[in-house]
Amino acid sequence: MMMLARLYRENLFVTALDYEHSWYRYHHLFADLLRDRLQQLLDRQSIADLHQRASHWYEENGYFQFAAMHAQAAGDMERIADLAEQAAQASCSTAG
């Protein structure tokens, strides 16, 4: 987290997404570079495993849309359907 704060302060590759500076987004060119580097270092299955881990983290923290995005990147269509169902149930329970 300290590295992200430093990069933000120095206006290098990241943008804060909230006022508390808890969430950041990498500049799209830097994100592309990191993805390319990841593909050079890891095989396809290892990358899919990382996406699965990210998907589970987002789900556990209530971020179903991001969880679904990582499940899609991992190629796990069954998980996407499960997440969509959970998101719909959560939406219905908060609406009523």
N, C-alpha and C. Protein backbone atom coordinates (compact mmCIF):
# COMPACT_ATOMS: atom_id res chain seq x y z
N MET A 1 0.82 -1.19 0.00
CA MET A 1 0.00 0.00 0.00
C MET A 1 0.87 1.26 0.00
N MET A 2 1.98 1.20 0.67
CA MET A 2 2.88 2.36 0.69
C MET A 2 3.40 2.68 -0.71
N MET A 3 3.67 1.63 -1.49
CA MET A 3 4.16 1.84 -2.84
C MET A 3 3.09 2.53 -3.69
N LEU A 4 1.83 2.10 -3.56
CA LEU A 4 0.76 2.75 -4.31
C LEU A 4 0.62 4.22 -3.92
N ALA A 5 0.71 4.50 -2.63
CA ALA A 5 0.61 5.89 -2.17
C ALA A 5 1.75 6.73 -2.74
N ARG A 6 2.92 6.15 -2.77
CA ARG A 6 4.07 6.87 -3.32
C ARG A 6 3.89 7.14 -4.81
N LEU A 7 3.46 6.12 -5.54
CA LEU A 7 3.24 6.29 -6.97
C LEU A 7 2.18 7.36 -7.23
N TYR A 8 1.14 7.37 -6.40
CA TYR A 8 0.08 8.37 -6.55
C TYR A 8 0.63 9.78 -6.28
N ARG A 9 1.36 9.94 -5.18
CA ARG A 9 1.93 11.25 -4.83
C ARG A 9 2.82 11.79 -5.93
N GLU A 10 3.58 10.89 -6.55
CA GLU A 10 4.52 11.30 -7.59
C GLU A 10 3.89 11.28 -8.98
N ASN A 11 2.57 11.04 -9.01
CA ASN A 11 1.82 11.06 -10.26
C ASN A 11 2.38 10.07 -11.28
N LEU A 12 2.67 8.85 -10.80
CA LEU A 12 3.27 7.82 -11.65
C LEU A 12 2.34 6.61 -11.78
N PHE A 13 1.65 6.53 -12.87
CA PHE A 13 0.95 5.32 -13.28
C PHE A 13 -0.32 4.96 -12.53
N VAL A 14 -0.68 5.65 -11.46
CA VAL A 14 -1.89 5.28 -10.72
C VAL A 14 -2.78 6.50 -10.49
N THR A 15 -4.07 6.20 -10.36
CA THR A 15 -5.08 7.20 -10.06
C THR A 15 -5.89 6.70 -8.89
N ALA A 16 -6.11 7.56 -7.91
CA ALA A 16 -6.95 7.18 -6.77
C ALA A 16 -8.41 7.17 -7.23
N LEU A 17 -9.16 6.17 -6.78
CA LEU A 17 -10.56 6.05 -7.17
C LEU A 17 -11.52 6.50 -6.08
N ASP A 18 -10.98 6.82 -4.90
CA ASP A 18 -11.82 7.30 -3.81
C ASP A 18 -11.06 8.33 -2.99
N TYR A 19 -11.79 9.05 -2.16
CA TYR A 19 -11.18 10.12 -1.37
C TYR A 19 -10.27 9.59 -0.26
N GLU A 20 -10.52 8.36 0.20
CA GLU A 20 -9.70 7.78 1.26
C GLU A 20 -8.40 7.19 0.73
N HIS A 21 -8.28 7.13 -0.58
CA HIS A 21 -7.11 6.53 -1.25
C HIS A 21 -6.95 5.06 -0.86
N SER A 22 -8.09 4.37 -0.83
CA SER A 22 -8.09 2.93 -0.56
C SER A 22 -8.08 2.13 -1.85
N TRP A 23 -8.62 2.72 -2.90
CA TRP A 23 -8.72 2.05 -4.19
C TRP A 23 -7.96 2.87 -5.23
N TYR A 24 -7.18 2.16 -6.04
CA TYR A 24 -6.40 2.80 -7.09
C TYR A 24 -6.63 2.07 -8.41
N ARG A 25 -6.37 2.78 -9.48
CA ARG A 25 -6.39 2.17 -10.81
C ARG A 25 -5.06 2.51 -11.48
N TYR A 26 -4.45 1.49 -12.09
CA TYR A 26 -3.23 1.73 -12.84
C TYR A 26 -3.57 2.44 -14.15
N HIS A 27 -2.67 3.27 -14.62
CA HIS A 27 -2.79 3.85 -15.95
C HIS A 27 -2.88 2.69 -16.93
N HIS A 28 -3.73 2.82 -17.95
CA HIS A 28 -3.98 1.70 -18.85
C HIS A 28 -2.70 1.20 -19.54
N LEU A 29 -1.77 2.07 -19.85
CA LEU A 29 -0.53 1.60 -20.48
C LEU A 29 0.33 0.80 -19.51
N PHE A 30 0.35 1.22 -18.24
CA PHE A 30 1.10 0.49 -17.22
C PHE A 30 0.42 -0.86 -16.94
N ALA A 31 -0.91 -0.84 -16.90
CA ALA A 31 -1.65 -2.09 -16.71
C ALA A 31 -1.37 -3.07 -17.85
N ASP A 32 -1.32 -2.56 -19.08
CA ASP A 32 -0.98 -3.41 -20.23
C ASP A 32 0.41 -4.00 -20.09
N LEU A 33 1.35 -3.18 -19.66
CA LEU A 33 2.72 -3.65 -19.45
C LEU A 33 2.76 -4.76 -18.39
N LEU A 34 2.04 -4.56 -17.29
CA LEU A 34 2.03 -5.57 -16.23
C LEU A 34 1.39 -6.88 -16.71
N ARG A 35 0.30 -6.78 -17.49
CA ARG A 35 -0.34 -7.98 -18.03
C ARG A 35 0.60 -8.72 -18.98
N ASP A 36 1.29 -7.97 -19.83
CA ASP A 36 2.24 -8.60 -20.76
C ASP A 36 3.36 -9.30 -20.00
N ARG A 37 3.84 -8.66 -18.98
CA ARG A 37 4.92 -9.24 -18.16
C ARG A 37 4.43 -10.52 -17.47
N LEU A 38 3.21 -10.49 -16.96
CA LEU A 38 2.64 -11.66 -16.31
C LEU A 38 2.55 -12.83 -17.29
N GLN A 39 2.13 -12.55 -18.51
CA GLN A 39 2.03 -13.60 -19.52
C GLN A 39 3.39 -14.16 -19.92
N GLN A 40 4.43 -13.35 -19.81
CA GLN A 40 5.77 -13.84 -20.09
C GLN A 40 6.29 -14.75 -18.98
N LEU A 41 5.86 -14.45 -17.73
CA LEU A 41 6.40 -15.16 -16.58
C LEU A 41 5.63 -16.42 -16.21
N LEU A 42 4.31 -16.42 -16.46
CA LEU A 42 3.48 -17.53 -16.01
C LEU A 42 2.77 -18.21 -17.17
N ASP A 43 2.43 -19.47 -16.97
CA ASP A 43 1.66 -20.18 -17.98
C ASP A 43 0.18 -19.83 -17.83
N ARG A 44 -0.60 -20.21 -18.81
CA ARG A 44 -2.02 -19.85 -18.87
C ARG A 44 -2.79 -20.34 -17.64
N GLN A 45 -2.52 -21.54 -17.17
CA GLN A 45 -3.24 -22.08 -16.01
C GLN A 45 -2.91 -21.30 -14.74
N SER A 46 -1.67 -20.92 -14.57
CA SER A 46 -1.29 -20.13 -13.39
C SER A 46 -1.99 -18.78 -13.38
N ILE A 47 -2.12 -18.17 -14.55
CA ILE A 47 -2.83 -16.89 -14.65
C ILE A 47 -4.31 -17.09 -14.34
N ALA A 48 -4.89 -18.17 -14.86
CA ALA A 48 -6.30 -18.47 -14.55
C ALA A 48 -6.49 -18.68 -13.06
N ASP A 49 -5.53 -19.34 -12.41
CA ASP A 49 -5.61 -19.55 -10.96
C ASP A 49 -5.59 -18.21 -10.21
N LEU A 50 -4.76 -17.28 -10.66
CA LEU A 50 -4.73 -15.96 -10.04
C LEU A 50 -6.07 -15.24 -10.21
N HIS A 51 -6.67 -15.35 -11.39
CA HIS A 51 -7.98 -14.74 -11.61
C HIS A 51 -9.04 -15.39 -10.71
N GLN A 52 -8.95 -16.69 -10.51
CA GLN A 52 -9.89 -17.37 -9.61
C GLN A 52 -9.74 -16.85 -8.18
N ARG A 53 -8.50 -16.70 -7.74
CA ARG A 53 -8.26 -16.17 -6.39
C ARG A 53 -8.82 -14.76 -6.25
N ALA A 54 -8.59 -13.93 -7.27
CA ALA A 54 -9.12 -12.57 -7.25
C ALA A 54 -10.65 -12.61 -7.23
N SER A 55 -11.23 -13.48 -8.01
CA SER A 55 -12.69 -13.60 -8.06
C SER A 55 -13.26 -13.95 -6.70
N HIS A 56 -12.63 -14.89 -6.02
CA HIS A 56 -13.11 -15.28 -4.68
C HIS A 56 -12.95 -14.13 -3.68
N TRP A 57 -11.85 -13.40 -3.76
CA TRP A 57 -11.66 -12.27 -2.85
C TRP A 57 -12.76 -11.23 -3.05
N TYR A 58 -13.00 -10.88 -4.31
CA TYR A 58 -14.04 -9.89 -4.59
C TYR A 58 -15.41 -10.37 -4.12
N GLU A 59 -15.70 -11.64 -4.34
CA GLU A 59 -16.98 -12.19 -3.88
C GLU A 59 -17.10 -12.08 -2.36
N GLU A 60 -16.07 -12.49 -1.65
CA GLU A 60 -16.10 -12.45 -0.18
C GLU A 60 -16.29 -11.04 0.35
N ASN A 61 -15.90 -10.05 -0.44
CA ASN A 61 -16.02 -8.66 -0.01
C ASN A 61 -17.20 -7.94 -0.65
N GLY A 62 -18.08 -8.71 -1.31
CA GLY A 62 -19.32 -8.17 -1.83
C GLY A 62 -19.23 -7.46 -3.16
N TYR A 63 -18.14 -7.63 -3.88
CA TYR A 63 -17.97 -6.98 -5.17
C TYR A 63 -18.23 -8.00 -6.28
N PHE A 64 -19.52 -8.29 -6.51
CA PHE A 64 -19.88 -9.37 -7.42
C PHE A 64 -19.50 -9.07 -8.87
N GLN A 65 -19.59 -7.82 -9.29
CA GLN A 65 -19.24 -7.47 -10.67
C GLN A 65 -17.76 -7.76 -10.94
N PHE A 66 -16.90 -7.35 -10.02
CA PHE A 66 -15.47 -7.61 -10.20
C PHE A 66 -15.16 -9.10 -10.08
N ALA A 67 -15.89 -9.77 -9.18
CA ALA A 67 -15.71 -11.22 -9.06
C ALA A 67 -16.05 -11.91 -10.37
N ALA A 68 -17.12 -11.47 -11.01
CA ALA A 68 -17.54 -12.06 -12.29
C ALA A 68 -16.52 -11.75 -13.39
N MET A 69 -15.96 -10.55 -13.38
CA MET A 69 -14.96 -10.19 -14.39
C MET A 69 -13.74 -11.11 -14.30
N HIS A 70 -13.30 -11.39 -13.08
CA HIS A 70 -12.14 -12.27 -12.92
C HIS A 70 -12.50 -13.72 -13.21
N ALA A 71 -13.72 -14.12 -12.89
CA ALA A 71 -14.15 -15.48 -13.24
C ALA A 71 -14.17 -15.64 -14.76
N GLN A 72 -14.62 -14.60 -15.45
CA GLN A 72 -14.62 -14.64 -16.92
C GLN A 72 -13.19 -14.74 -17.45
N ALA A 73 -12.28 -13.97 -16.88
CA ALA A 73 -10.88 -14.02 -17.31
C ALA A 73 -10.28 -15.40 -17.06
N ALA A 74 -10.79 -16.09 -16.03
CA ALA A 74 -10.32 -17.44 -15.73
C ALA A 74 -11.01 -18.49 -16.60
N GLY A 75 -12.04 -18.07 -17.34
CA GLY A 75 -12.77 -19.00 -18.18
C GLY A 75 -13.77 -19.85 -17.42
N ASP A 76 -14.20 -19.39 -16.26
CA ASP A 76 -15.11 -20.17 -15.41
C ASP A 76 -16.55 -19.65 -15.56
N MET A 77 -17.23 -20.14 -16.59
CA MET A 77 -18.58 -19.68 -16.89
C MET A 77 -19.59 -20.11 -15.82
N GLU A 78 -19.40 -21.27 -15.23
CA GLU A 78 -20.30 -21.73 -14.16
C GLU A 78 -20.24 -20.78 -12.97
N ARG A 79 -19.06 -20.33 -12.65
CA ARG A 79 -18.90 -19.40 -11.53
C ARG A 79 -19.58 -18.06 -11.85
N ILE A 80 -19.49 -17.61 -13.10
CA ILE A 80 -20.15 -16.37 -13.48
C ILE A 80 -21.64 -16.48 -13.24
N ALA A 81 -22.23 -17.61 -13.62
CA ALA A 81 -23.67 -17.81 -13.40
C ALA A 81 -24.00 -17.80 -11.91
N ASP A 82 -23.19 -18.45 -11.10
CA ASP A 82 -23.40 -18.46 -9.65
C ASP A 82 -23.31 -17.05 -9.07
N LEU A 83 -22.34 -16.30 -9.52
CA LEU A 83 -22.16 -14.92 -9.03
C LEU A 83 -23.32 -14.03 -9.44
N ALA A 84 -23.80 -14.21 -10.66
CA ALA A 84 -24.95 -13.43 -11.13
C ALA A 84 -26.18 -13.72 -10.27
N GLU A 85 -26.36 -14.98 -9.94
CA GLU A 85 -27.48 -15.36 -9.07
C GLU A 85 -27.33 -14.74 -7.68
N GLN A 86 -26.15 -14.79 -7.12
CA GLN A 86 -25.91 -14.19 -5.80
C GLN A 86 -26.14 -12.69 -5.83
N ALA A 87 -25.67 -12.04 -6.88
CA ALA A 87 -25.84 -10.59 -7.00
C ALA A 87 -27.32 -10.24 -7.11
N ALA A 88 -28.07 -11.03 -7.86
CA ALA A 88 -29.50 -10.79 -8.00
C ALA A 88 -30.21 -10.97 -6.67
N GLN A 89 -29.84 -12.01 -5.93
CA GLN A 89 -30.45 -12.25 -4.61
C GLN A 89 -30.11 -11.11 -3.66
N ALA A 90 -28.87 -10.66 -3.67
CA ALA A 90 -28.46 -9.56 -2.79
C ALA A 90 -29.20 -8.30 -3.16
N SER A 91 -29.40 -8.07 -4.43
CA SER A 91 -30.12 -6.89 -4.90
C SER A 91 -31.58 -6.93 -4.46
N CYS A 92 -32.19 -8.11 -4.57
CA CYS A 92 -33.59 -8.26 -4.15
C CYS A 92 -33.76 -8.09 -2.65
N SER A 93 -32.81 -8.58 -1.88
CA SER A 93 -32.94 -8.50 -0.42
C SER A 93 -32.74 -7.08 0.08
N THR A 94 -31.96 -6.27 -0.62
CA THR A 94 -31.77 -4.88 -0.20
C THR A 94 -32.86 -3.98 -0.74
N ALA A 95 -33.54 -4.40 -1.80
CA ALA A 95 -34.59 -3.58 -2.41
C ALA A 95 -35.89 -3.65 -1.62
N GLY A 96 -36.09 -4.74 -0.89
CA GLY A 96 -37.38 -4.94 -0.22
C GLY A 96 -37.30 -4.62 1.20
